[in-house]
Each structure stands twice: as structure tokens, then as C-alpha cells.
Amino acid sequence: MRLSRLTAASLLLAAALLTACANLATSTSTAGKTLLPAAGWDCGMPDGIPPPEAGVLVLEAEVKLDAIYDVGRTPFGQRQAVVTQTGTMKGPKVEATVLAGGLDYQLTLPNGVVEVEQILVLRTSDNRHVIMRNAGVGTSTDDLRVVYDFEASTTGSFAWLNTGKYVGRRTIDTATKTMRFSIYEVSAVPAAAATARVTKPAGVPPQPWDFRHAAPTEQKGDTIVTEIVGLGGSQQVQAGKRGSRNIIPITGGTLSGLITGKILFGGADYQTTGGGGPPIDARYLWQSTEGDVIIVRNTTNPTVGLVPTFETRVDGKYAWLNSGKYLSSPPGFGAGGLSISMYKSK
């Protein structure tokens, strides 16, 4: 009997060691390799994302977090939404403050693949603003690589941020509510001989990078919600590489109609002038009275005006937002803030 118990214990130990080795192999399987992203989320580097550390360190940052929201399982995977507070960014050639209200959306797919989208605004040491919209991917969180894109003034001290290729790491410490990232310039990094391809599970739709382009014949139907939006002070990016930006932070607000609740602090209307992007591109979060978090994007479509899209949990009361088509009124001034109504499209 004693021998049988020892044998069973030995088998359990061996199984645990094999599992640990398998997990270690998985976590290090992409180390040193060029990561080949899936076509639906190529992060702007479809030919491959090199290991960041193979490049030259440009800057490091530490940012406190305002909130971490578990959105739940959406049509695209398991979604987490993070809103930043302020932080510091330093490097050999740049020093900046990361402004409060930035967004970080993380998506985890059933096979462990992780995708990240970030929108951050910086204020540099020469008192100018820079906007970043970043995309990341990894076969797991152990080797998540983020491609960083800067829009700085083409006439300022940090115009060099508009050029080059930047890849980095981004980690979130939920216990201390802190985000850290490091960014490397990788233009001179040769493609690694070994590659690792990111694959997505069959049947899982790709999350969109672009906004919805509504048909010219779409018209406003029944009202679904009216929002009153609180706004912060404007942040300007003058003569950026995609035109000038007027960034208007979203500080909160209220919802009424088929959805009741509040607009959460975070995000902004990232307006563009000069043809490099949509005149209005608002990115922010709702929270319903029931507690469901809803990701909102409301963007100018040249033919029909503003077109909102939504992402929320598939097992919640407002799952219908994920699959419908919607239109929006232009913003107008109301009591307590900016008033916008949204409608079903017909």
C-alpha cells in the first residue's frame, strides 16, 4: 500500500513537472523571433514585429491607472478596458507627461492570443501635445509587443517622433494600478531568421481598427439613447503628420433612453483638421445602471454624419448593441454639457 501511494505521488509530481515545462516552452517559444501578426490585426507591421529589445531604447514610462474595467466576453473575445491617470515618460531625447484619460483596450482570445489598442496624449517638455494610437499583439501576455505611433508637431522639437519604427513592451500591475511601458526604435533591426505566426481561432471575428462606414441611404430611426457629455479643456496638436488635432477630453456624463447610466471618465473626441482623419472621432466608455461597461466610438462618416458603434458583453442586457447599425445626431449644447442622441439605422 505504501509503495502504491509513493508511485501515485511520483506520477503526480512528474505530471506537474511536464505541465510546467510545457508552459515554459509556450512562454518562451516566440522569444528572439520575428512575430508575424494575423492580417486582421497587423499593428501596422504586417511583415513582422521584431523583439523590441533588439532595437535602441527611446523612452520608458510609468502611468497610474484611474480604473480597470472587466467588460466581459464580447464578440471579439474577453475584453478589458483601462483608463489612465497621469504618468511620466523619460528617455535620452525626450521627457513628457502622460495626461489623464488615456484608454487601453486589451482583448484575450480563446487560444491565449492577446491584442491591445491604446490611445494616449502626452505633453512634452516644450509644452506641446503629442497623440499616440498604438496597437499590440502577442501569442500570450509573456511576449506582448506593442507598435507605437506618434503624432507630434512637424515643426516642434520632437518632430522626429513622427518618423522611425517603434516597438515596445507594455505591462499592467493590477495590484498597484500602474502601467509601465518601454519603447525601442527598431528601424535598423534586421528580420530574424526564425519567425512565429499569430493565429486566431476559427469563427472569431477580427476586432475593427477602422470605424464603420455607413451606407449613404441609411436614415435615423428610433432613438436608443440620449447622452449629456462633460468635456475638459482642449489639447492641440499643431501640424501633425496626419493634420492638426483638437483633442477634447471626456470627463463624464449621463445616459437616458433605452440605456440608463453614466458616461465614465476617460477618452476624448480626437478631432482632425486637414484631411488626415475624421473631423470627429470620439472614443469613450458608458456604464449602464446594471453595471455593464460599453465601449463607444462615434465618428464622422462623410455621407451620413456621425456613426456610432458599440462593444459590450454578449451575455448582458445590452448585447443587441454589438450587432445593430446606428446613427447619431451632431453634438449640440444641452443643460450640463454636450447633448447627443443616437438612433437605430433604417
Protein backbone atom coordinates (compact mmCIF):
# COMPACT_ATOMS: atom_id res chain seq x y z
CA MET A 1 0.00 0.00 0.00
CA ARG A 2 2.83 2.40 0.91
CA LEU A 3 4.54 1.66 -2.43
CA SER A 4 1.34 2.37 -4.33
CA ARG A 5 0.98 5.71 -2.60
CA LEU A 6 4.58 6.63 -3.43
CA THR A 7 4.06 5.61 -7.04
CA ALA A 8 0.93 7.74 -7.29
CA ALA A 9 2.69 10.70 -5.74
CA SER A 10 5.61 10.28 -8.14
CA LEU A 11 3.27 10.21 -11.11
CA LEU A 12 1.54 13.38 -9.93
CA LEU A 13 4.91 15.09 -9.48
CA ALA A 14 6.02 14.02 -12.94
CA ALA A 15 2.78 15.30 -14.47
CA ALA A 16 3.21 18.64 -12.72
CA LEU A 17 6.78 18.96 -13.99
CA LEU A 18 5.70 18.14 -17.53
CA THR A 19 2.95 20.78 -17.34
CA ALA A 20 5.39 23.37 -16.01
CA CYS A 21 7.85 22.57 -18.81
CA ALA A 22 5.08 22.82 -21.40
CA ASN A 23 4.03 26.22 -20.03
CA LEU A 24 7.65 27.39 -20.04
CA ALA A 25 8.06 26.27 -23.64
CA THR A 26 4.92 28.16 -24.59
CA SER A 27 6.03 31.36 -22.85
CA THR A 28 9.48 31.36 -24.45
CA SER A 29 8.56 29.93 -27.86
CA THR A 30 8.48 33.36 -29.55
CA ALA A 31 11.47 34.89 -27.75
CA GLY A 32 14.04 36.22 -30.24
CA LYS A 33 11.77 35.56 -33.21
CA THR A 34 10.03 37.95 -35.57
CA LEU A 35 6.33 37.90 -34.73
CA LEU A 36 4.07 37.62 -37.79
CA PRO A 37 0.68 39.15 -36.87
CA ALA A 38 -2.63 37.95 -38.27
CA ALA A 39 -3.99 40.00 -41.16
CA GLY A 40 -6.95 41.27 -39.14
CA TRP A 41 -4.72 42.96 -36.54
CA ASP A 42 -1.30 43.56 -38.11
CA CYS A 43 -0.41 46.57 -35.89
CA GLY A 44 0.97 48.43 -38.89
CA MET A 45 3.81 45.92 -39.32
CA PRO A 46 2.31 43.14 -41.49
CA ASP A 47 5.78 41.86 -42.47
CA GLY A 48 6.69 41.14 -38.87
CA ILE A 49 7.27 42.72 -35.46
CA PRO A 50 10.83 42.26 -34.14
CA PRO A 51 11.69 41.74 -30.47
CA PRO A 52 11.73 45.29 -29.07
CA GLU A 53 14.93 44.79 -27.10
CA ALA A 54 16.82 44.24 -30.36
CA GLY A 55 16.43 47.96 -31.04
CA VAL A 56 17.57 51.14 -29.29
CA LEU A 57 15.74 52.29 -26.16
CA VAL A 58 13.88 55.56 -26.81
CA LEU A 59 11.92 56.04 -23.60
CA GLU A 60 10.33 54.43 -20.57
CA ALA A 61 7.10 55.41 -18.86
CA GLU A 62 5.14 54.75 -15.70
CA VAL A 63 1.47 55.69 -15.60
CA LYS A 64 -1.01 55.45 -12.74
CA LEU A 65 -4.39 53.98 -13.64
CA ASP A 66 -7.75 55.55 -12.88
CA ALA A 67 -9.78 52.37 -13.38
CA ILE A 68 -9.60 48.83 -14.76
CA TYR A 69 -12.91 47.55 -16.17
CA ASP A 70 -13.76 43.93 -16.96
CA VAL A 71 -16.03 44.43 -19.96
CA GLY A 72 -16.62 40.68 -20.28
CA ARG A 73 -16.78 38.38 -23.29
CA THR A 74 -17.64 40.48 -26.34
CA PRO A 75 -17.99 39.29 -29.98
CA PHE A 76 -14.21 39.66 -30.36
CA GLY A 77 -13.01 37.93 -27.18
CA GLN A 78 -12.51 38.67 -23.49
CA ARG A 79 -12.24 42.44 -23.17
CA GLN A 80 -10.59 44.63 -20.54
CA ALA A 81 -10.74 48.44 -20.66
CA VAL A 82 -8.28 50.61 -18.74
CA VAL A 83 -8.42 54.37 -18.14
CA THR A 84 -5.19 56.14 -17.21
CA GLN A 85 -4.37 58.87 -14.77
CA THR A 86 -1.15 60.86 -15.24
CA GLY A 87 2.34 59.46 -15.66
CA THR A 88 5.92 60.29 -16.55
CA MET A 89 7.84 59.45 -19.71
CA LYS A 90 11.60 59.80 -19.99
CA GLY A 91 14.31 58.89 -22.44
CA PRO A 92 17.66 60.11 -23.78
CA LYS A 93 15.98 62.55 -26.17
CA VAL A 94 12.51 63.14 -24.73
CA GLU A 95 10.74 63.94 -21.49
CA ALA A 96 6.96 64.17 -21.27
CA THR A 97 3.90 63.85 -19.07
CA VAL A 98 1.27 61.26 -19.95
CA LEU A 99 -2.06 63.03 -19.49
CA ALA A 100 -5.03 61.58 -17.63
CA GLY A 101 -7.90 60.00 -19.54
CA GLY A 102 -5.95 57.71 -21.87
CA LEU A 103 -7.54 54.44 -22.98
CA ASP A 104 -6.06 50.94 -23.13
CA TYR A 105 -8.22 48.15 -24.57
CA GLN A 106 -6.94 44.58 -24.14
CA LEU A 107 -8.51 41.61 -25.90
CA THR A 108 -7.76 37.99 -24.99
CA LEU A 109 -8.78 35.32 -27.50
CA PRO A 110 -9.74 31.74 -26.60
CA ASN A 111 -6.33 30.42 -27.72
CA GLY A 112 -4.43 32.87 -25.49
CA VAL A 113 -3.56 35.43 -28.18
CA VAL A 114 -3.59 38.97 -26.80
CA GLU A 115 -4.34 42.17 -28.74
CA VAL A 116 -4.02 45.71 -27.40
CA GLU A 117 -5.13 49.13 -28.59
CA GLN A 118 -4.06 52.30 -26.79
CA ILE A 119 -4.87 55.98 -27.21
CA LEU A 120 -2.70 58.31 -25.11
CA VAL A 121 -1.96 62.02 -25.11
CA LEU A 122 1.40 63.44 -23.99
CA ARG A 123 2.57 66.90 -23.05
CA THR A 124 6.25 67.26 -23.89
CA SER A 125 8.86 69.32 -22.06
CA ASP A 126 8.42 72.15 -24.60
CA ASN A 127 4.71 72.31 -23.63
CA ARG A 128 3.34 70.77 -26.82
CA HIS A 129 0.93 67.87 -27.18
CA VAL A 130 1.53 64.53 -28.87
CA ILE A 131 -1.12 61.88 -29.56
CA MET A 132 -0.34 58.16 -29.66
CA ARG A 133 -2.56 55.42 -31.07
CA ASN A 134 -0.80 52.12 -30.52
CA ALA A 135 -1.55 48.52 -31.43
CA GLY A 136 -0.07 45.40 -29.89
CA VAL A 137 -0.23 41.64 -30.25
CA GLY A 138 1.29 38.55 -28.71
CA THR A 139 0.76 34.81 -28.71
CA SER A 140 0.35 35.34 -24.95
CA THR A 141 1.00 38.06 -22.39
CA ASP A 142 4.53 36.66 -21.99
CA ASP A 143 5.63 38.21 -25.30
CA LEU A 144 3.22 41.06 -25.98
CA ARG A 145 4.72 43.53 -28.49
CA VAL A 146 3.20 46.96 -28.99
CA VAL A 147 3.81 49.07 -32.10
CA TYR A 148 3.82 52.74 -31.09
CA ASP A 149 2.67 55.52 -33.40
CA PHE A 150 3.28 59.18 -32.52
CA GLU A 151 1.63 62.27 -33.96
CA ALA A 152 3.77 65.24 -32.97
CA SER A 153 4.00 68.73 -34.44
CA THR A 154 6.13 68.61 -37.57
CA THR A 155 7.65 71.98 -36.59
CA GLY A 156 8.48 71.25 -32.95
CA SER A 157 11.46 69.85 -31.07
CA PHE A 158 10.02 66.35 -31.13
CA ALA A 159 9.11 66.14 -34.82
CA TRP A 160 11.48 63.15 -35.04
CA LEU A 161 8.84 61.07 -33.21
CA ASN A 162 6.75 61.14 -36.42
CA THR A 163 9.31 59.01 -38.22
CA GLY A 164 11.01 55.73 -37.42
CA LYS A 165 9.64 52.39 -36.29
CA TYR A 166 8.84 51.95 -32.62
CA VAL A 167 8.09 48.69 -30.82
CA GLY A 168 7.88 48.19 -27.08
CA ARG A 169 6.55 46.39 -24.06
CA ARG A 170 3.50 47.29 -22.01
CA THR A 171 2.61 45.73 -18.66
CA ILE A 172 -0.18 46.41 -16.17
CA ASP A 173 0.16 45.81 -12.44
CA THR A 174 -3.42 45.45 -11.24
CA ALA A 175 -2.41 45.41 -7.56
CA THR A 176 -0.82 48.87 -7.72
CA LYS A 177 -2.96 50.11 -10.65
CA THR A 178 0.16 51.02 -12.61
CA MET A 179 1.01 50.71 -16.30
CA ARG A 180 4.62 50.62 -17.43
CA PHE A 181 5.96 50.64 -20.95
CA SER A 182 9.28 50.84 -22.70
CA ILE A 183 9.73 51.82 -26.35
CA TYR A 184 12.57 50.95 -28.73
CA GLU A 185 13.49 52.25 -32.17
CA VAL A 186 13.74 49.17 -34.43
CA SER A 187 14.31 50.60 -37.92
CA ALA A 188 17.80 49.11 -38.07
CA VAL A 189 16.84 45.73 -36.65
CA PRO A 190 17.16 43.02 -39.33
CA ALA A 191 14.38 40.49 -39.68
CA ALA A 192 15.10 37.43 -37.56
CA ALA A 193 15.61 34.17 -39.42
CA ALA A 194 13.15 32.48 -37.08
CA THR A 195 9.52 33.60 -37.10
CA ALA A 196 6.42 32.89 -35.05
CA ARG A 197 2.98 33.39 -36.54
CA VAL A 198 0.00 34.68 -34.58
CA THR A 199 -3.09 32.60 -35.32
CA LYS A 200 -6.66 33.33 -34.36
CA PRO A 201 -9.37 30.79 -33.50
CA ALA A 202 -11.76 29.96 -36.32
CA GLY A 203 -15.08 31.74 -36.14
CA VAL A 204 -13.88 34.68 -34.02
CA PRO A 205 -14.36 37.94 -35.98
CA PRO A 206 -11.44 40.38 -36.05
CA GLN A 207 -11.84 43.49 -33.94
CA PRO A 208 -12.05 46.61 -36.13
CA TRP A 209 -9.32 49.22 -36.36
CA ASP A 210 -11.34 51.46 -38.68
CA PHE A 211 -14.74 53.00 -37.92
CA ARG A 212 -17.99 51.83 -39.56
CA HIS A 213 -18.62 53.35 -42.98
CA ALA A 214 -22.40 53.67 -43.20
CA ALA A 215 -24.28 53.42 -46.49
CA PRO A 216 -25.39 56.77 -47.95
CA THR A 217 -29.03 55.59 -47.88
CA GLU A 218 -29.13 54.97 -44.12
CA GLN A 219 -31.56 57.12 -42.14
CA LYS A 220 -32.25 57.74 -38.45
CA GLY A 221 -34.90 55.52 -36.91
CA ASP A 222 -35.99 55.10 -33.29
CA THR A 223 -33.94 56.81 -30.59
CA ILE A 224 -31.94 54.42 -28.41
CA VAL A 225 -30.18 56.83 -26.06
CA THR A 226 -29.51 60.49 -25.35
CA GLU A 227 -26.27 61.41 -23.65
CA ILE A 228 -25.13 64.55 -21.88
CA VAL A 229 -21.33 64.63 -22.11
CA GLY A 230 -18.99 66.56 -19.83
CA LEU A 231 -15.85 67.91 -21.52
CA GLY A 232 -12.40 69.04 -20.42
CA GLY A 233 -10.08 71.65 -21.86
CA SER A 234 -8.84 71.34 -25.44
CA GLN A 235 -5.42 69.82 -26.18
CA GLN A 236 -3.90 70.86 -29.53
CA VAL A 237 -1.50 69.01 -31.82
CA GLN A 238 -0.49 71.61 -34.39
CA ALA A 239 0.55 70.47 -37.88
CA GLY A 240 0.95 66.81 -37.04
CA LYS A 241 1.81 64.15 -39.59
CA ARG A 242 -1.91 63.46 -40.18
CA GLY A 243 -3.02 67.06 -39.89
CA SER A 244 -3.78 69.15 -36.83
CA ARG A 245 -5.61 67.62 -33.87
CA ASN A 246 -8.04 69.14 -31.43
CA ILE A 247 -8.39 66.68 -28.57
CA ILE A 248 -11.32 67.33 -26.23
CA PRO A 249 -11.22 65.08 -23.12
CA ILE A 250 -14.42 63.38 -21.92
CA THR A 251 -14.88 63.77 -18.18
CA GLY A 252 -18.22 62.02 -17.55
CA GLY A 253 -21.91 62.45 -18.21
CA THR A 254 -25.33 60.81 -18.13
CA LEU A 255 -27.40 58.44 -20.28
CA SER A 256 -31.16 58.29 -20.74
CA GLY A 257 -33.47 56.28 -23.01
CA LEU A 258 -33.27 52.54 -23.66
CA ILE A 259 -29.97 52.63 -21.75
CA THR A 260 -29.69 54.50 -18.47
CA GLY A 261 -26.47 55.07 -16.58
CA LYS A 262 -23.40 57.23 -16.88
CA ILE A 263 -20.51 58.17 -19.12
CA LEU A 264 -17.26 57.20 -17.44
CA PHE A 265 -14.23 59.43 -17.12
CA GLY A 266 -11.72 58.80 -19.92
CA GLY A 267 -11.27 59.03 -23.65
CA ALA A 268 -11.83 62.08 -25.81
CA ASP A 269 -13.02 63.42 -29.12
CA TYR A 270 -9.84 63.15 -31.20
CA GLN A 271 -10.78 65.66 -33.89
CA THR A 272 -8.68 66.06 -37.04
CA THR A 273 -8.45 69.01 -39.40
CA GLY A 274 -6.56 68.95 -42.67
CA GLY A 275 -7.93 65.76 -44.19
CA GLY A 276 -5.75 63.23 -42.35
CA GLY A 277 -8.63 61.74 -40.39
CA PRO A 278 -12.30 62.17 -39.48
CA PRO A 279 -13.34 65.61 -38.18
CA ILE A 280 -14.95 63.94 -35.14
CA ASP A 281 -13.66 60.67 -33.67
CA ALA A 282 -14.92 60.24 -30.12
CA ARG A 283 -13.71 57.21 -28.11
CA TYR A 284 -15.08 56.64 -24.62
CA LEU A 285 -16.97 54.35 -22.20
CA TRP A 286 -20.52 54.03 -20.89
CA GLN A 287 -21.62 52.17 -17.77
CA SER A 288 -25.27 51.16 -17.55
CA THR A 289 -27.34 51.27 -14.39
CA GLU A 290 -26.92 47.47 -14.25
CA GLY A 291 -23.12 47.86 -14.28
CA ASP A 292 -22.40 46.76 -17.86
CA VAL A 293 -19.46 48.58 -19.44
CA ILE A 294 -19.96 49.58 -23.09
CA ILE A 295 -17.14 50.72 -25.38
CA VAL A 296 -18.30 53.58 -27.64
CA ARG A 297 -16.86 55.07 -30.81
CA ASN A 298 -18.74 57.86 -32.58
CA THR A 299 -17.09 59.01 -35.80
CA THR A 300 -17.86 61.29 -38.73
CA ASN A 301 -18.89 59.49 -41.91
CA PRO A 302 -18.72 61.77 -44.97
CA THR A 303 -22.11 60.68 -46.33
CA VAL A 304 -24.42 60.43 -43.31
CA GLY A 305 -22.82 62.35 -40.46
CA LEU A 306 -21.88 60.69 -37.17
CA VAL A 307 -21.92 56.88 -36.95
CA PRO A 308 -21.61 55.25 -33.50
CA THR A 309 -20.50 51.68 -32.84
CA PHE A 310 -20.57 49.74 -29.57
CA GLU A 311 -18.90 46.77 -27.93
CA THR A 312 -20.17 45.09 -24.78
CA ARG A 313 -20.61 41.67 -23.21
CA VAL A 314 -22.52 39.10 -25.27
CA ASP A 315 -24.37 37.73 -22.23
CA GLY A 316 -25.60 41.08 -20.93
CA LYS A 317 -28.81 43.08 -21.24
CA TYR A 318 -27.33 45.31 -23.96
CA ALA A 319 -25.80 42.63 -26.19
CA TRP A 320 -28.04 43.92 -29.00
CA LEU A 321 -25.71 46.91 -29.31
CA ASN A 322 -22.98 44.65 -30.73
CA SER A 323 -24.83 43.65 -33.89
CA GLY A 324 -27.04 46.60 -34.78
CA LYS A 325 -26.39 49.59 -37.03
CA TYR A 326 -26.77 53.05 -35.55
CA LEU A 327 -26.60 56.73 -36.43
CA SER A 328 -26.04 59.80 -34.28
CA SER A 329 -27.15 63.39 -34.14
CA PRO A 330 -24.50 66.09 -34.35
CA PRO A 331 -23.42 67.39 -30.93
CA GLY A 332 -25.39 70.27 -29.50
CA PHE A 333 -25.23 72.18 -26.26
CA GLY A 334 -27.58 70.97 -23.53
CA ALA A 335 -28.01 71.51 -19.82
CA GLY A 336 -24.87 70.25 -18.10
CA GLY A 337 -22.82 69.54 -21.21
CA LEU A 338 -22.89 68.41 -24.82
CA SER A 339 -26.12 66.68 -25.91
CA ILE A 340 -26.07 63.82 -28.43
CA SER A 341 -28.87 61.43 -29.43
CA MET A 342 -28.28 58.05 -31.06
CA TYR A 343 -30.71 56.14 -33.23
CA LYS A 344 -31.28 52.80 -34.86
CA SER A 345 -30.41 52.95 -38.55
CA LYS A 346 -33.13 52.19 -41.08
